[in-house]
Amino acid sequence: MAKKKVERQLKLQIEAGKATPAPPLGPALGQAGINIGDFVNQFNEKTREMMGDTVRVLVNIYEDRSFDFEIKTPPTSSLIKKLAGIKKGSGKNLIKKAGKLTRAQVQEIAEKKMPDLNAHDIDAAMKIVEGSARSMGVEIVD
């Protein structure tokens, strides 16, 4: 069997378990020419246990209009906001702090993000997460 040729790739951020054909998802998928209903049903079924998190999705669309998709981990910033209990980061991260995270919480985020991070071990992953937190104005405490 010949391997299908990928015609197009879409990178989307969708709330897990709550995809609908409404904008912005519907138009993006419609322009690519895939069946929106099939995608929505498959996505919601696969992400039901991650309900409440926003996840990144890589959709491969083939020449025959079939598709498959890969679900990535939630963005680091959304995990930081969730654990720090804040709605958004600080606009002036050096002057005004938005919240606090403990080292244990940073490690928890790093372990969850490890498959998608460019890090060889958990310590390097924690440094990446700490950098994201600092840029959002979230303080790391022991």
C-alpha atoms as a PDB file:
ATOM      1  CA  MET A   1       0.000   0.000   0.000  1.00  0.00           C
ATOM      2  CA  ALA A   2       1.387   3.376  -1.018  1.00  0.00           C
ATOM      3  CA  LYS A   3       1.879   6.004   1.635  1.00  0.00           C
ATOM      4  CA  LYS A   4      -0.522   8.948   1.383  1.00  0.00           C
ATOM      5  CA  LYS A   5       0.958  12.357   0.662  1.00  0.00           C
ATOM      6  CA  VAL A   6       0.269  15.093   3.212  1.00  0.00           C
ATOM      7  CA  GLU A   7      -1.254  18.015   1.337  1.00  0.00           C
ATOM      8  CA  ARG A   8      -1.602  20.423   4.260  1.00  0.00           C
ATOM      9  CA  GLN A   9      -0.959  20.694   7.996  1.00  0.00           C
ATOM     10  CA  LEU A  10      -2.945  22.774  10.470  1.00  0.00           C
ATOM     11  CA  LYS A  11      -1.793  23.758  13.958  1.00  0.00           C
ATOM     12  CA  LEU A  12      -4.729  24.559  16.222  1.00  0.00           C
ATOM     13  CA  GLN A  13      -5.409  25.227  19.899  1.00  0.00           C
ATOM     14  CA  ILE A  14      -8.741  23.827  21.024  1.00  0.00           C
ATOM     15  CA  GLU A  15     -10.325  23.323  24.430  1.00  0.00           C
ATOM     16  CA  ALA A  16     -10.252  19.589  25.166  1.00  0.00           C
ATOM     17  CA  GLY A  17     -13.575  17.785  24.825  1.00  0.00           C
ATOM     18  CA  LYS A  18     -15.412  20.930  23.705  1.00  0.00           C
ATOM     19  CA  ALA A  19     -14.699  21.239  19.967  1.00  0.00           C
ATOM     20  CA  THR A  20     -17.635  22.538  17.902  1.00  0.00           C
ATOM     21  CA  PRO A  21     -18.065  23.292  14.195  1.00  0.00           C
ATOM     22  CA  ALA A  22     -18.538  26.986  15.091  1.00  0.00           C
ATOM     23  CA  PRO A  23     -15.804  29.566  14.420  1.00  0.00           C
ATOM     24  CA  PRO A  24     -12.838  29.616  14.710  1.00  0.00           C
ATOM     25  CA  LEU A  25     -12.482  25.821  14.260  1.00  0.00           C
ATOM     26  CA  GLY A  26     -15.164  25.258  11.596  1.00  0.00           C
ATOM     27  CA  PRO A  27     -13.870  27.746   9.009  1.00  0.00           C
ATOM     28  CA  ALA A  28     -10.257  26.584   9.457  1.00  0.00           C
ATOM     29  CA  LEU A  29     -11.220  22.957   8.825  1.00  0.00           C
ATOM     30  CA  GLY A  30     -13.705  23.837   6.079  1.00  0.00           C
ATOM     31  CA  GLN A  31     -11.060  25.695   4.073  1.00  0.00           C
ATOM     32  CA  ALA A  32      -8.870  22.611   4.296  1.00  0.00           C
ATOM     33  CA  GLY A  33     -11.699  20.532   2.837  1.00  0.00           C
ATOM     34  CA  ILE A  34     -12.132  17.937   5.569  1.00  0.00           C
ATOM     35  CA  ASN A  35     -15.348  16.719   7.176  1.00  0.00           C
ATOM     36  CA  ILE A  36     -15.776  19.025  10.187  1.00  0.00           C
ATOM     37  CA  GLY A  37     -18.261  16.745  11.968  1.00  0.00           C
ATOM     38  CA  ASP A  38     -15.924  13.742  11.811  1.00  0.00           C
ATOM     39  CA  PHE A  39     -13.033  15.778  13.191  1.00  0.00           C
ATOM     40  CA  VAL A  40     -15.120  17.249  16.026  1.00  0.00           C
ATOM     41  CA  ASN A  41     -16.443  13.813  17.079  1.00  0.00           C
ATOM     42  CA  GLN A  42     -13.021  12.132  16.980  1.00  0.00           C
ATOM     43  CA  PHE A  43     -11.307  15.020  18.791  1.00  0.00           C
ATOM     44  CA  ASN A  44     -13.927  15.226  21.563  1.00  0.00           C
ATOM     45  CA  GLU A  45     -13.759  11.456  22.084  1.00  0.00           C
ATOM     46  CA  LYS A  46      -9.937  11.420  22.380  1.00  0.00           C
ATOM     47  CA  THR A  47      -9.746  14.459  24.688  1.00  0.00           C
ATOM     48  CA  ARG A  48     -12.662  13.716  27.016  1.00  0.00           C
ATOM     49  CA  GLU A  49     -10.338  12.952  29.971  1.00  0.00           C
ATOM     50  CA  MET A  50      -8.446  16.266  29.513  1.00  0.00           C
ATOM     51  CA  MET A  51     -11.627  18.369  29.770  1.00  0.00           C
ATOM     52  CA  GLY A  52     -10.920  21.970  30.776  1.00  0.00           C
ATOM     53  CA  ASP A  53      -7.406  22.170  29.320  1.00  0.00           C
ATOM     54  CA  THR A  54      -6.602  23.893  26.045  1.00  0.00           C
ATOM     55  CA  VAL A  55      -4.582  21.490  23.907  1.00  0.00           C
ATOM     56  CA  ARG A  56      -2.522  21.963  20.777  1.00  0.00           C
ATOM     57  CA  VAL A  57      -3.479  19.792  17.806  1.00  0.00           C
ATOM     58  CA  LEU A  58      -1.489  19.047  14.653  1.00  0.00           C
ATOM     59  CA  VAL A  59      -3.892  18.023  11.850  1.00  0.00           C
ATOM     60  CA  ASN A  60      -2.461  16.276   8.768  1.00  0.00           C
ATOM     61  CA  ILE A  61      -4.720  16.574   5.727  1.00  0.00           C
ATOM     62  CA  TYR A  62      -4.053  14.172   2.835  1.00  0.00           C
ATOM     63  CA  GLU A  63      -4.712  14.479  -0.912  1.00  0.00           C
ATOM     64  CA  ASP A  64      -7.876  12.363  -0.714  1.00  0.00           C
ATOM     65  CA  ARG A  65      -9.309  14.719   1.983  1.00  0.00           C
ATOM     66  CA  SER A  66      -8.781  12.167   4.739  1.00  0.00           C
ATOM     67  CA  PHE A  67      -7.042  13.356   7.892  1.00  0.00           C
ATOM     68  CA  ASP A  68      -5.404  12.326  11.108  1.00  0.00           C
ATOM     69  CA  PHE A  69      -4.364  14.405  14.074  1.00  0.00           C
ATOM     70  CA  GLU A  70      -1.868  14.387  16.902  1.00  0.00           C
ATOM     71  CA  ILE A  71      -2.762  15.854  20.282  1.00  0.00           C
ATOM     72  CA  LYS A  72       0.069  17.677  22.048  1.00  0.00           C
ATOM     73  CA  THR A  73       0.291  18.733  25.680  1.00  0.00           C
ATOM     74  CA  PRO A  74      -1.366  21.990  26.779  1.00  0.00           C
ATOM     75  CA  PRO A  75       0.705  25.180  26.389  1.00  0.00           C
ATOM     76  CA  THR A  76       3.094  25.850  29.273  1.00  0.00           C
ATOM     77  CA  SER A  77       1.512  29.226  29.963  1.00  0.00           C
ATOM     78  CA  SER A  78      -1.950  27.719  30.457  1.00  0.00           C
ATOM     79  CA  LEU A  79      -0.579  25.095  32.873  1.00  0.00           C
ATOM     80  CA  ILE A  80       1.231  27.837  34.829  1.00  0.00           C
ATOM     81  CA  LYS A  81      -1.925  29.971  35.005  1.00  0.00           C
ATOM     82  CA  LYS A  82      -3.973  26.979  36.162  1.00  0.00           C
ATOM     83  CA  LEU A  83      -1.582  25.973  38.971  1.00  0.00           C
ATOM     84  CA  ALA A  84      -0.856  29.547  40.058  1.00  0.00           C
ATOM     85  CA  GLY A  85      -4.592  30.306  40.133  1.00  0.00           C
ATOM     86  CA  ILE A  86      -4.376  33.397  37.952  1.00  0.00           C
ATOM     87  CA  LYS A  87      -6.374  34.538  34.912  1.00  0.00           C
ATOM     88  CA  LYS A  88      -3.449  36.074  33.020  1.00  0.00           C
ATOM     89  CA  GLY A  89       0.221  36.904  33.386  1.00  0.00           C
ATOM     90  CA  SER A  90       1.619  40.281  34.381  1.00  0.00           C
ATOM     91  CA  GLY A  91       2.124  42.853  31.648  1.00  0.00           C
ATOM     92  CA  LYS A  92       5.105  44.231  33.589  1.00  0.00           C
ATOM     93  CA  ASN A  93       6.743  41.055  34.853  1.00  0.00           C
ATOM     94  CA  LEU A  94       9.699  42.772  36.560  1.00  0.00           C
ATOM     95  CA  ILE A  95       7.611  45.321  38.446  1.00  0.00           C
ATOM     96  CA  LYS A  96       4.314  43.608  39.209  1.00  0.00           C
ATOM     97  CA  LYS A  97       4.073  39.902  40.056  1.00  0.00           C
ATOM     98  CA  ALA A  98       0.984  37.952  38.987  1.00  0.00           C
ATOM     99  CA  GLY A  99       1.295  34.932  41.264  1.00  0.00           C
ATOM    100  CA  LYS A 100       3.533  32.274  42.788  1.00  0.00           C
ATOM    101  CA  LEU A 101       4.498  28.668  42.021  1.00  0.00           C
ATOM    102  CA  THR A 102       6.419  26.218  44.179  1.00  0.00           C
ATOM    103  CA  ARG A 103       9.294  24.091  42.866  1.00  0.00           C
ATOM    104  CA  ALA A 104       7.024  21.021  43.203  1.00  0.00           C
ATOM    105  CA  GLN A 105       4.427  22.660  40.943  1.00  0.00           C
ATOM    106  CA  VAL A 106       7.132  23.569  38.422  1.00  0.00           C
ATOM    107  CA  GLN A 107       8.299  19.949  38.430  1.00  0.00           C
ATOM    108  CA  GLU A 108       4.702  18.756  37.914  1.00  0.00           C
ATOM    109  CA  ILE A 109       4.345  21.025  34.855  1.00  0.00           C
ATOM    110  CA  ALA A 110       7.760  19.938  33.510  1.00  0.00           C
ATOM    111  CA  GLU A 111       6.844  16.249  33.827  1.00  0.00           C
ATOM    112  CA  LYS A 112       3.579  16.834  31.974  1.00  0.00           C
ATOM    113  CA  LYS A 113       5.323  18.859  29.213  1.00  0.00           C
ATOM    114  CA  MET A 114       8.381  16.571  28.870  1.00  0.00           C
ATOM    115  CA  PRO A 115       7.246  14.812  25.628  1.00  0.00           C
ATOM    116  CA  ASP A 116       6.931  18.159  23.811  1.00  0.00           C
ATOM    117  CA  LEU A 117       9.939  19.976  25.282  1.00  0.00           C
ATOM    118  CA  ASN A 118      13.429  20.040  23.820  1.00  0.00           C
ATOM    119  CA  ALA A 119      15.033  18.869  27.068  1.00  0.00           C
ATOM    120  CA  HIS A 120      17.090  15.790  27.917  1.00  0.00           C
ATOM    121  CA  ASP A 121      16.150  15.536  31.582  1.00  0.00           C
ATOM    122  CA  ILE A 122      13.644  16.869  34.087  1.00  0.00           C
ATOM    123  CA  ASP A 123      16.034  19.557  35.410  1.00  0.00           C
ATOM    124  CA  ALA A 124      16.381  21.123  31.949  1.00  0.00           C
ATOM    125  CA  ALA A 125      12.601  20.933  31.482  1.00  0.00           C
ATOM    126  CA  MET A 126      12.092  22.676  34.844  1.00  0.00           C
ATOM    127  CA  LYS A 127      14.400  25.519  33.735  1.00  0.00           C
ATOM    128  CA  ILE A 128      12.297  25.982  30.584  1.00  0.00           C
ATOM    129  CA  VAL A 129       9.091  26.109  32.658  1.00  0.00           C
ATOM    130  CA  GLU A 130      10.689  28.514  35.177  1.00  0.00           C
ATOM    131  CA  GLY A 131      11.681  30.841  32.321  1.00  0.00           C
ATOM    132  CA  SER A 132       8.118  30.851  31.001  1.00  0.00           C
ATOM    133  CA  ALA A 133       6.795  31.562  34.493  1.00  0.00           C
ATOM    134  CA  ARG A 134       9.233  34.466  35.016  1.00  0.00           C
ATOM    135  CA  SER A 135       8.234  36.019  31.691  1.00  0.00           C
ATOM    136  CA  MET A 136       4.582  35.880  32.846  1.00  0.00           C
ATOM    137  CA  GLY A 137       5.429  37.565  36.144  1.00  0.00           C
ATOM    138  CA  VAL A 138       4.974  34.406  38.222  1.00  0.00           C
ATOM    139  CA  GLU A 139       7.431  34.028  41.097  1.00  0.00           C
ATOM    140  CA  ILE A 140       9.086  30.667  41.854  1.00  0.00           C
ATOM    141  CA  VAL A 141       9.270  29.984  45.597  1.00  0.00           C
ATOM    142  CA  ASP A 142      10.766  27.045  47.515  1.00  0.00           C
END
